[in-house]
Each structure stands twice: as structure tokens, then as C-alpha cells.
């Protein structure tokens, strides 16, 4: 059950919905988890400054959505 649409991918996508990168960490993809956690977090933090909200809120939301989709579509396999 390691293929696309498996229960593990659904759980990873749900984890990514709440905390970007957490689903990647659940799948064992540490670099992807760090990338999404930091980039989405920085975008949301910059959007909180209100002045930069027009630029960084949509960018953060798009990256957050990409992280969810990435976790849901992960096929697994051997990495060398």
C-alpha cells in the first residue's frame, strides 16, 4: 500500500493541510519537509506584515496547496 492514493498518502496530505511539510516528514522526505515548512512559513509571516500581504499571502497559499498535492501524489519507491 505504498502507491498513489494509499492510506499513507491520505494521512500525509491531511498532515500537510494543518502544518506544511509535516506530511513529507511522515513519508520520510526530510528535505521536502524542511523546504515546505520554511518557505510557506516565511510567506505567511511576511503576509502578516499587512504591507506585503498582497504578494506573499497568495504565494504562501499556492505553495501550501502544492505541498498537500505533492504528499498526496507521492509514489514511494527506492531512492538512491
C-alpha atoms as a PDB file:
ATOM      1  CA  UNK A   1       0.000   0.000   0.000  1.00  0.00           C
ATOM      2  CA  UNK A   2       2.725   2.471  -0.884  1.00  0.00           C
ATOM      3  CA  UNK A   3       1.235   3.710  -4.138  1.00  0.00           C
ATOM      4  CA  UNK A   4      -0.614   6.859  -5.005  1.00  0.00           C
ATOM      5  CA  UNK A   5      -3.940   7.113  -3.210  1.00  0.00           C
ATOM      6  CA  UNK A   6      -2.880   4.778  -0.425  1.00  0.00           C
ATOM      7  CA  UNK A   7      -3.861   5.416   3.164  1.00  0.00           C
ATOM      8  CA  UNK A   8      -0.383   6.716   3.974  1.00  0.00           C
ATOM      9  CA  UNK A   9      -0.629   9.368   1.276  1.00  0.00           C
ATOM     10  CA  UNK A  10      -4.042  10.469   2.516  1.00  0.00           C
ATOM     11  CA  UNK A  11      -2.714  10.828   6.053  1.00  0.00           C
ATOM     12  CA  UNK A  12       0.315  12.751   4.740  1.00  0.00           C
ATOM     13  CA  UNK A  13      -1.932  15.112   2.768  1.00  0.00           C
ATOM     14  CA  UNK A  14      -4.079  15.720   5.850  1.00  0.00           C
ATOM     15  CA  UNK A  15      -0.942  16.407   7.911  1.00  0.00           C
ATOM     16  CA  UNK A  16       0.219  18.886   5.267  1.00  0.00           C
ATOM     17  CA  UNK A  17      -3.151  20.625   5.427  1.00  0.00           C
ATOM     18  CA  UNK A  18      -2.521  21.579   9.045  1.00  0.00           C
ATOM     19  CA  UNK A  19       1.270  22.057   9.005  1.00  0.00           C
ATOM     20  CA  UNK A  20       3.065  22.423   5.666  1.00  0.00           C
ATOM     21  CA  UNK A  21       5.818  19.838   5.385  1.00  0.00           C
ATOM     22  CA  UNK A  22       4.542  17.531   8.124  1.00  0.00           C
ATOM     23  CA  UNK A  23       3.164  15.084   5.591  1.00  0.00           C
ATOM     24  CA  UNK A  24       6.507  14.929   3.835  1.00  0.00           C
ATOM     25  CA  UNK A  25       8.152  14.230   7.175  1.00  0.00           C
ATOM     26  CA  UNK A  26       5.665  11.403   7.782  1.00  0.00           C
ATOM     27  CA  UNK A  27       6.656   9.951   4.411  1.00  0.00           C
ATOM     28  CA  UNK A  28      10.341  10.212   5.306  1.00  0.00           C
ATOM     29  CA  UNK A  29      11.185  13.047   2.900  1.00  0.00           C
ATOM     30  CA  UNK A  30      13.108  15.319   5.238  1.00  0.00           C
ATOM     31  CA  UNK A  31      14.407  17.852   2.697  1.00  0.00           C
ATOM     32  CA  UNK A  32      10.949  18.325   1.197  1.00  0.00           C
ATOM     33  CA  UNK A  33       9.506  18.759   4.675  1.00  0.00           C
ATOM     34  CA  UNK A  34      12.054  21.436   5.556  1.00  0.00           C
ATOM     35  CA  UNK A  35      11.574  23.203   2.237  1.00  0.00           C
ATOM     36  CA  UNK A  36       7.789  23.473   2.503  1.00  0.00           C
ATOM     37  CA  UNK A  37       7.790  24.262   6.224  1.00  0.00           C
ATOM     38  CA  UNK A  38      10.276  27.101   5.835  1.00  0.00           C
ATOM     39  CA  UNK A  39       9.022  28.603   2.551  1.00  0.00           C
ATOM     40  CA  UNK A  40       5.334  28.522   3.429  1.00  0.00           C
ATOM     41  CA  UNK A  41       6.070  29.750   6.948  1.00  0.00           C
ATOM     42  CA  UNK A  42       8.128  32.669   5.638  1.00  0.00           C
ATOM     43  CA  UNK A  43       5.437  33.580   3.113  1.00  0.00           C
ATOM     44  CA  UNK A  44       2.725  33.560   5.777  1.00  0.00           C
ATOM     45  CA  UNK A  45       4.960  35.525   8.176  1.00  0.00           C
ATOM     46  CA  UNK A  46       5.633  38.173   5.534  1.00  0.00           C
ATOM     47  CA  UNK A  47       1.920  38.281   4.706  1.00  0.00           C
ATOM     48  CA  UNK A  48       1.253  39.060   8.371  1.00  0.00           C
ATOM     49  CA  UNK A  49       3.073  42.374   7.939  1.00  0.00           C
ATOM     50  CA  UNK A  50      -0.038  43.574   6.058  1.00  0.00           C
ATOM     51  CA  UNK A  51       2.049  45.734   3.704  1.00  0.00           C
ATOM     52  CA  UNK A  52       3.327  42.634   1.913  1.00  0.00           C
ATOM     53  CA  UNK A  53       0.098  40.642   2.246  1.00  0.00           C
ATOM     54  CA  UNK A  54      -0.955  41.175  -1.379  1.00  0.00           C
ATOM     55  CA  UNK A  55       2.198  39.463  -2.623  1.00  0.00           C
ATOM     56  CA  UNK A  56       3.018  36.837  -0.032  1.00  0.00           C
ATOM     57  CA  UNK A  57      -0.386  35.541   1.093  1.00  0.00           C
ATOM     58  CA  UNK A  58      -1.319  34.128  -2.335  1.00  0.00           C
ATOM     59  CA  UNK A  59       2.206  32.787  -2.822  1.00  0.00           C
ATOM     60  CA  UNK A  60       2.089  31.067   0.572  1.00  0.00           C
ATOM     61  CA  UNK A  61      -1.353  29.648  -0.171  1.00  0.00           C
ATOM     62  CA  UNK A  62      -0.208  28.294  -3.545  1.00  0.00           C
ATOM     63  CA  UNK A  63       2.896  26.686  -2.026  1.00  0.00           C
ATOM     64  CA  UNK A  64       0.766  25.245   0.782  1.00  0.00           C
ATOM     65  CA  UNK A  65      -1.580  23.691  -1.787  1.00  0.00           C
ATOM     66  CA  UNK A  66       1.368  22.329  -3.788  1.00  0.00           C
ATOM     67  CA  UNK A  67       2.759  20.701  -0.635  1.00  0.00           C
ATOM     68  CA  UNK A  68      -0.584  18.978   0.007  1.00  0.00           C
ATOM     69  CA  UNK A  69      -0.793  17.712  -3.572  1.00  0.00           C
ATOM     70  CA  UNK A  70       2.850  16.613  -3.512  1.00  0.00           C
ATOM     71  CA  UNK A  71       2.261  14.494  -0.413  1.00  0.00           C
ATOM     72  CA  UNK A  72      -0.930  13.010  -1.857  1.00  0.00           C
ATOM     73  CA  UNK A  73       0.690  12.029  -5.158  1.00  0.00           C
ATOM     74  CA  UNK A  74       3.903  10.558  -3.714  1.00  0.00           C
ATOM     75  CA  UNK A  75       4.528   7.128  -5.239  1.00  0.00           C
ATOM     76  CA  UNK A  76       7.268   5.998  -2.895  1.00  0.00           C
ATOM     77  CA  UNK A  77       9.928   3.678  -4.097  1.00  0.00           C
ATOM     78  CA  UNK A  78      13.624   3.272  -3.626  1.00  0.00           C
ATOM     79  CA  UNK A  79      15.743   6.395  -3.646  1.00  0.00           C
ATOM     80  CA  UNK A  80      19.445   6.090  -4.326  1.00  0.00           C
END
